[in-house]
Amino acid sequence: MYPLKFEPILKQTLWGGDKIIPFKHLNSDLKGVGESWEISGVENNESVVANGPDKGLTLADMVRKYREELVGEANYARFGNKFPLLIKFIDAKQDLSIQVHPTDELAKKRHNSMGKTEMWYVVGADEGAHLMSGLSKQITPDEYAAKVEDHTITDVLRDYRVSPGDVFFLPAGRIHSIGAGSFIAEIQQTSDITYRIYDFGRLGLDGKPRELHTELSKAAIDYTVLPDYRTAYTREKNKECLLVDCAYFTTSLLDIDKPFSKDLSSLDSFLILICTAGKATVKDTEGHTESIRRGETILIPADTAGIEIMPEESAVLLTTYIR
């Protein structure tokens, strides 16, 4: 196999801005694009291969065709023909709704689906950009419902001013909201199940308030209060810096200004490269090469023994796989 690129799936939203199109160097006049789904196996939103001999095949087609060669033996045994991760860029011109996602157990019971654990890497931030993650004080499920009803739910959420490079890990059950001015790279389980807790009285495209899922959310929320929900890490040049390591994905930051080699021979997983700045050339051990620049994402198949990433001056990438 070879390094795979995919056509982006652009999503116009109520809260979307104008940053995704130029960030990804796209020739499009779409307005209000809130999300670019970079790699997706979500039903009816499957990514389509943009390069090489398999151009035109969907990600679902690719998993069925290549199985373990694409995703790895353990991943294929665990997830079958469903690609397990969803990669997005998100541009919030307005605050997104306050949300929570169910765990695997609850999602399986209610929706016959995987749950949704995710992470955010802040790519860009306007002045005053913010987001919310986690509870700031202990509340009960009934107190939560009352605060939604009387519009005071934000009083018990931790609100963060954000800067580029900030990282937030969001296990299923943690209340959260991407705030206005935030430009985010998101890595998550393949699930589109979202319980909307509060939407600031916003009206949908039909002119009516959007549906809230107060009761569904009540049992999905993890009411644990932590001292800080921001992920601490040390950034080092020309070295992979671990950001998140969980059962669903392991993600690192790679900020390079010289060639970087990565041995994948013992990694029983695909590897995803998400470029947030600069540009580079990726070469695998079979001699396949592919360019990557800001706003692009590449999927390295599991049967790849190794890669070399050669930056053009400099490049910043997120690397993610499933251990």
Protein backbone atom coordinates (compact mmCIF):
# COMPACT_ATOMS: atom_id res chain seq x y z
CA MET A 1 0.00 0.00 0.00
CA TYR A 2 0.97 3.68 -0.06
CA PRO A 3 0.33 6.94 1.89
CA LEU A 4 -3.32 7.85 1.39
CA LYS A 5 -4.91 11.25 1.00
CA PHE A 6 -8.66 11.89 1.07
CA GLU A 7 -11.07 14.48 -0.25
CA PRO A 8 -12.21 16.74 2.62
CA ILE A 9 -15.87 16.66 3.62
CA LEU A 10 -16.85 20.27 4.30
CA LYS A 11 -19.70 20.99 6.70
CA GLN A 12 -21.54 24.31 6.74
CA THR A 13 -22.85 25.07 10.23
CA LEU A 14 -24.72 27.77 12.14
CA TRP A 15 -21.55 28.67 14.01
CA GLY A 16 -18.96 28.13 11.25
CA GLY A 17 -16.47 30.75 10.12
CA ASP A 18 -14.27 31.58 7.16
CA LYS A 19 -10.90 30.02 8.12
CA ILE A 20 -11.07 26.43 6.90
CA ILE A 21 -11.11 27.17 3.16
CA PRO A 22 -7.90 29.28 3.13
CA PHE A 23 -6.23 27.13 5.82
CA LYS A 24 -6.62 24.10 3.55
CA HIS A 25 -5.71 26.05 0.38
CA LEU A 26 -9.07 25.14 -1.20
CA ASN A 27 -10.63 26.81 -4.23
CA SER A 28 -14.16 27.19 -2.90
CA ASP A 29 -16.61 29.99 -2.18
CA LEU A 30 -18.52 28.08 0.50
CA LYS A 31 -19.44 30.26 3.48
CA GLY A 32 -19.89 29.34 7.13
CA VAL A 33 -17.78 26.17 6.95
CA GLY A 34 -17.53 24.96 10.54
CA GLU A 35 -15.90 21.58 9.97
CA SER A 36 -13.69 19.74 7.54
CA TRP A 37 -13.91 15.99 8.05
CA GLU A 38 -10.44 14.87 7.02
CA ILE A 39 -10.69 11.11 7.54
CA SER A 40 -14.13 9.66 8.21
CA GLY A 41 -15.70 6.24 8.23
CA VAL A 42 -19.01 7.58 9.56
CA GLU A 43 -21.92 6.06 7.63
CA ASN A 44 -23.04 8.34 4.78
CA ASN A 45 -19.99 10.52 5.41
CA GLU A 46 -17.20 8.21 4.27
CA SER A 47 -14.00 9.85 3.04
CA VAL A 48 -12.98 9.23 -0.57
CA VAL A 49 -9.37 8.47 -1.56
CA ALA A 50 -7.86 11.40 -3.49
CA ASN A 51 -4.59 9.88 -4.74
CA GLY A 52 -2.96 6.81 -6.25
CA PRO A 53 -4.38 3.57 -7.67
CA ASP A 54 -7.25 3.49 -5.16
CA LYS A 55 -8.45 7.00 -5.98
CA GLY A 56 -12.24 7.18 -5.83
CA LEU A 57 -12.70 4.37 -3.30
CA THR A 58 -14.31 5.24 0.01
CA LEU A 59 -12.57 4.59 3.31
CA ALA A 60 -15.14 1.84 3.95
CA ASP A 61 -14.19 0.27 0.60
CA MET A 62 -10.53 0.44 1.60
CA VAL A 63 -11.05 -1.28 4.95
CA ARG A 64 -13.03 -4.08 3.27
CA LYS A 65 -10.41 -4.44 0.55
CA TYR A 66 -7.22 -4.32 2.61
CA ARG A 67 -8.40 -5.26 6.13
CA GLU A 68 -5.36 -5.80 8.40
CA GLU A 69 -2.96 -4.34 5.83
CA LEU A 70 -4.67 -0.98 6.25
CA VAL A 71 -5.66 -0.86 9.94
CA GLY A 72 -3.57 -3.55 11.67
CA GLU A 73 -4.44 -7.01 12.96
CA ALA A 74 -5.57 -5.95 16.45
CA ASN A 75 -7.63 -3.04 15.09
CA TYR A 76 -9.33 -5.24 12.51
CA ALA A 77 -10.13 -7.83 15.17
CA ARG A 78 -11.51 -5.08 17.42
CA PHE A 79 -13.40 -2.90 14.93
CA GLY A 80 -13.98 -5.09 11.87
CA ASN A 81 -14.80 -3.11 8.73
CA LYS A 82 -15.47 0.12 10.64
CA PHE A 83 -12.58 2.59 10.58
CA PRO A 84 -12.16 3.56 14.24
CA LEU A 85 -11.13 7.24 14.16
CA LEU A 86 -12.64 10.46 12.84
CA ILE A 87 -10.30 13.41 12.14
CA LYS A 88 -11.61 16.98 11.80
CA PHE A 89 -10.64 20.62 11.60
CA ILE A 90 -13.17 22.87 13.38
CA ASP A 91 -13.58 26.64 12.97
CA ALA A 92 -15.85 28.22 15.59
CA LYS A 93 -16.93 31.75 14.66
CA GLN A 94 -19.57 31.47 17.39
CA ASP A 95 -19.76 29.32 20.52
CA LEU A 96 -20.77 25.74 19.80
CA SER A 97 -23.51 24.20 21.90
CA ILE A 98 -22.55 22.73 25.26
CA GLN A 99 -22.37 18.97 24.73
CA VAL A 100 -21.58 15.59 26.19
CA HIS A 101 -20.95 12.24 24.50
CA PRO A 102 -21.82 8.77 25.81
CA THR A 103 -19.35 6.05 26.76
CA ASP A 104 -19.04 2.88 24.70
CA GLU A 105 -21.30 1.04 27.12
CA LEU A 106 -24.06 3.64 27.06
CA ALA A 107 -23.78 4.23 23.30
CA LYS A 108 -24.01 0.50 22.63
CA LYS A 109 -27.09 0.20 24.83
CA ARG A 110 -28.89 3.27 23.44
CA HIS A 111 -27.67 3.52 19.83
CA ASN A 112 -25.81 0.29 19.00
CA SER A 113 -22.78 2.49 18.38
CA MET A 114 -19.33 3.27 19.72
CA GLY A 115 -19.09 6.04 22.27
CA LYS A 116 -17.15 9.21 21.69
CA THR A 117 -13.90 10.03 23.43
CA GLU A 118 -12.02 12.85 21.71
CA MET A 119 -9.21 15.38 21.99
CA TRP A 120 -8.59 18.93 20.81
CA TYR A 121 -5.37 20.54 19.64
CA VAL A 122 -5.73 24.32 19.30
CA VAL A 123 -4.31 25.27 15.89
CA GLY A 124 -5.30 28.93 16.02
CA ALA A 125 -7.03 31.33 18.38
CA ASP A 126 -8.45 34.82 17.89
CA GLU A 127 -8.02 37.36 20.66
CA GLY A 128 -10.33 36.29 23.49
CA ALA A 129 -10.85 32.79 22.06
CA HIS A 130 -12.09 30.34 24.65
CA LEU A 131 -13.55 26.91 25.22
CA MET A 132 -15.24 25.06 28.06
CA SER A 133 -14.18 21.70 29.44
CA GLY A 134 -15.39 19.97 32.60
CA LEU A 135 -17.25 20.99 35.72
CA SER A 136 -15.91 23.71 38.01
CA LYS A 137 -17.91 22.57 41.03
CA GLN A 138 -19.68 19.45 42.24
CA ILE A 139 -23.32 19.16 41.20
CA THR A 140 -25.89 16.38 41.17
CA PRO A 141 -27.79 15.18 38.10
CA ASP A 142 -30.91 17.00 39.30
CA GLU A 143 -28.93 20.21 39.90
CA TYR A 144 -27.52 19.90 36.37
CA ALA A 145 -31.03 19.66 34.88
CA ALA A 146 -32.21 22.64 36.93
CA LYS A 147 -29.26 24.74 35.74
CA VAL A 148 -30.06 23.94 32.11
CA GLU A 149 -33.66 24.95 32.76
CA ASP A 150 -32.76 28.30 34.38
CA HIS A 151 -29.91 29.07 31.93
CA THR A 152 -27.12 28.96 34.55
CA ILE A 153 -25.31 25.81 33.38
CA THR A 154 -22.29 27.86 32.25
CA ASP A 155 -21.81 28.99 35.87
CA VAL A 156 -20.57 25.50 36.79
CA LEU A 157 -18.32 24.87 33.77
CA ARG A 158 -14.58 25.54 33.54
CA ASP A 159 -13.95 28.21 30.91
CA TYR A 160 -10.45 28.53 29.39
CA ARG A 161 -8.84 31.27 27.33
CA VAL A 162 -6.85 29.38 24.71
CA SER A 163 -3.71 29.82 22.64
CA PRO A 164 -2.24 27.82 19.75
CA GLY A 165 -0.75 24.58 21.02
CA ASP A 166 -3.20 24.09 23.89
CA VAL A 167 -4.47 20.52 24.25
CA PHE A 168 -7.62 19.18 25.88
CA PHE A 169 -8.49 15.51 26.35
CA LEU A 170 -12.23 14.84 26.46
CA PRO A 171 -13.13 11.35 27.65
CA ALA A 172 -16.74 10.36 27.04
CA GLY A 173 -18.89 11.90 29.76
CA ARG A 174 -17.04 15.22 30.08
CA ILE A 175 -19.15 18.32 29.41
CA HIS A 176 -17.53 20.63 26.85
CA SER A 177 -18.01 23.36 24.27
CA ILE A 178 -15.70 24.88 21.66
CA GLY A 179 -15.87 28.64 22.08
CA ALA A 180 -15.88 31.48 19.58
CA GLY A 181 -12.52 32.23 17.98
CA SER A 182 -11.10 28.74 18.40
CA PHE A 183 -9.65 26.82 15.45
CA ILE A 184 -9.25 23.18 16.45
CA ALA A 185 -7.85 19.89 15.16
CA GLU A 186 -10.04 17.14 16.64
CA ILE A 187 -9.29 13.44 16.94
CA GLN A 188 -12.16 11.23 18.09
CA GLN A 189 -13.74 7.83 18.00
CA THR A 190 -15.84 7.15 14.94
CA SER A 191 -19.17 8.24 16.32
CA ASP A 192 -21.48 11.13 15.52
CA ILE A 193 -23.54 10.81 18.71
CA THR A 194 -23.81 14.16 20.47
CA TYR A 195 -26.14 15.10 23.31
CA ARG A 196 -26.82 18.83 23.17
CA ILE A 197 -27.04 20.19 26.70
CA TYR A 198 -27.45 23.92 26.10
CA ASP A 199 -27.44 26.12 22.99
CA PHE A 200 -27.54 29.69 24.35
CA GLY A 201 -31.10 30.15 23.04
CA ARG A 202 -29.87 29.91 19.44
CA LEU A 203 -32.35 29.23 16.65
CA GLY A 204 -31.79 26.56 14.00
CA LEU A 205 -32.03 27.07 10.24
CA ASP A 206 -35.77 26.46 10.55
CA GLY A 207 -36.12 29.42 12.92
CA LYS A 208 -36.88 27.22 15.91
CA PRO A 209 -34.77 26.48 19.01
CA ARG A 210 -32.58 23.42 18.47
CA GLU A 211 -33.47 20.30 20.42
CA LEU A 212 -31.82 19.77 23.80
CA HIS A 213 -31.10 16.31 25.19
CA THR A 214 -31.36 17.07 28.90
CA GLU A 215 -32.53 13.65 30.06
CA LEU A 216 -30.24 11.68 27.78
CA SER A 217 -27.33 13.80 29.01
CA LYS A 218 -28.15 13.34 32.68
CA ALA A 219 -26.96 9.72 32.72
CA ALA A 220 -24.11 10.35 30.27
CA ILE A 221 -22.30 13.07 32.25
CA ASP A 222 -19.30 12.26 34.40
CA TYR A 223 -19.84 14.51 37.43
CA THR A 224 -16.23 14.20 38.65
CA VAL A 225 -14.56 17.57 39.26
CA LEU A 226 -10.86 17.92 38.40
CA PRO A 227 -8.48 20.76 39.33
CA ASP A 228 -7.50 21.33 35.68
CA TYR A 229 -8.74 19.92 32.39
CA ARG A 230 -5.97 21.26 30.17
CA THR A 231 -3.33 18.73 29.11
CA ALA A 232 0.23 19.60 30.15
CA TYR A 233 3.09 18.60 27.86
CA THR A 234 6.62 19.63 26.98
CA ARG A 235 7.24 20.74 23.41
CA GLU A 236 10.64 19.81 21.97
CA LYS A 237 11.99 20.45 18.49
CA ASN A 238 12.53 17.44 16.18
CA LYS A 239 11.06 14.99 18.68
CA GLU A 240 7.62 13.43 19.05
CA CYS A 241 6.04 14.92 22.17
CA LEU A 242 3.28 12.76 23.63
CA LEU A 243 -0.03 14.58 24.08
CA VAL A 244 -2.64 11.88 24.75
CA ASP A 245 -2.36 8.14 25.26
CA CYS A 246 -5.67 6.35 25.80
CA ALA A 247 -7.42 3.16 24.71
CA TYR A 248 -8.82 4.90 21.61
CA PHE A 249 -5.82 6.82 20.25
CA THR A 250 -2.25 7.83 21.00
CA THR A 251 -1.40 11.30 19.72
CA SER A 252 1.89 13.18 19.66
CA LEU A 253 3.10 16.56 18.41
CA LEU A 254 5.97 16.69 15.92
CA ASP A 255 7.59 20.09 15.30
CA ILE A 256 10.47 19.58 12.86
CA ASP A 257 12.97 21.57 10.83
CA LYS A 258 15.07 18.60 9.71
CA PRO A 259 14.26 15.10 8.38
CA PHE A 260 12.55 12.82 10.89
CA SER A 261 12.43 9.02 10.59
CA LYS A 262 9.85 6.83 12.29
CA ASP A 263 10.13 3.04 12.53
CA LEU A 264 6.65 1.50 12.18
CA SER A 265 7.69 -2.14 11.91
CA SER A 266 6.40 -3.04 15.39
CA LEU A 267 3.32 -0.81 15.24
CA ASP A 268 0.21 -2.90 14.61
CA SER A 269 -1.82 0.11 13.50
CA PHE A 270 -2.25 2.69 10.80
CA LEU A 271 -0.60 6.08 11.47
CA ILE A 272 -2.34 9.38 10.72
CA LEU A 273 -0.36 12.58 10.02
CA ILE A 274 -2.21 15.90 10.43
CA CYS A 275 -0.27 18.93 9.24
CA THR A 276 -1.07 22.13 11.15
CA ALA A 277 1.77 24.31 9.82
CA GLY A 278 4.40 24.28 7.08
CA LYS A 279 4.89 21.55 4.52
CA ALA A 280 6.87 18.33 4.10
CA THR A 281 7.40 15.26 1.95
CA VAL A 282 6.58 11.84 3.37
CA LYS A 283 8.49 8.83 2.03
CA ASP A 284 7.80 5.24 3.07
CA THR A 285 10.19 2.27 3.06
CA GLU A 286 8.72 1.06 -0.26
CA GLY A 287 9.76 4.27 -1.97
CA HIS A 288 6.31 5.88 -2.19
CA THR A 289 6.36 9.64 -1.64
CA GLU A 290 3.55 12.06 -0.89
CA SER A 291 3.54 15.76 -0.06
CA ILE A 292 1.73 17.16 2.94
CA ARG A 293 1.16 20.80 3.81
CA ARG A 294 -0.83 22.85 6.30
CA GLY A 295 -4.43 21.70 6.37
CA GLU A 296 -3.76 18.26 4.89
CA THR A 297 -3.97 14.81 6.45
CA ILE A 298 -2.32 11.55 5.38
CA LEU A 299 -3.14 7.98 6.39
CA ILE A 300 -0.12 5.67 6.54
CA PRO A 301 -1.31 2.02 6.20
CA ALA A 302 -0.47 -0.49 8.91
CA ASP A 303 1.67 -2.60 6.57
CA THR A 304 4.19 0.25 6.22
CA ALA A 305 7.53 -0.58 7.87
CA GLY A 306 8.65 3.01 8.29
CA ILE A 307 8.50 6.57 7.03
CA GLU A 308 10.75 9.59 6.69
CA ILE A 309 9.26 13.07 6.96
CA MET A 310 11.33 15.73 5.20
CA PRO A 311 10.17 19.26 6.01
CA GLU A 312 10.47 22.18 3.64
CA GLU A 313 12.09 24.58 6.12
CA SER A 314 9.72 23.49 8.92
CA ALA A 315 6.50 21.62 9.60
CA VAL A 316 4.23 20.93 12.55
CA LEU A 317 2.25 17.69 12.54
CA LEU A 318 0.09 15.64 14.84
CA THR A 319 0.71 11.90 14.67
CA THR A 320 -1.96 9.50 15.88
CA TYR A 321 -2.50 5.74 15.97
CA ILE A 322 -4.19 3.09 18.11
CA ARG A 323 -1.92 1.10 20.39
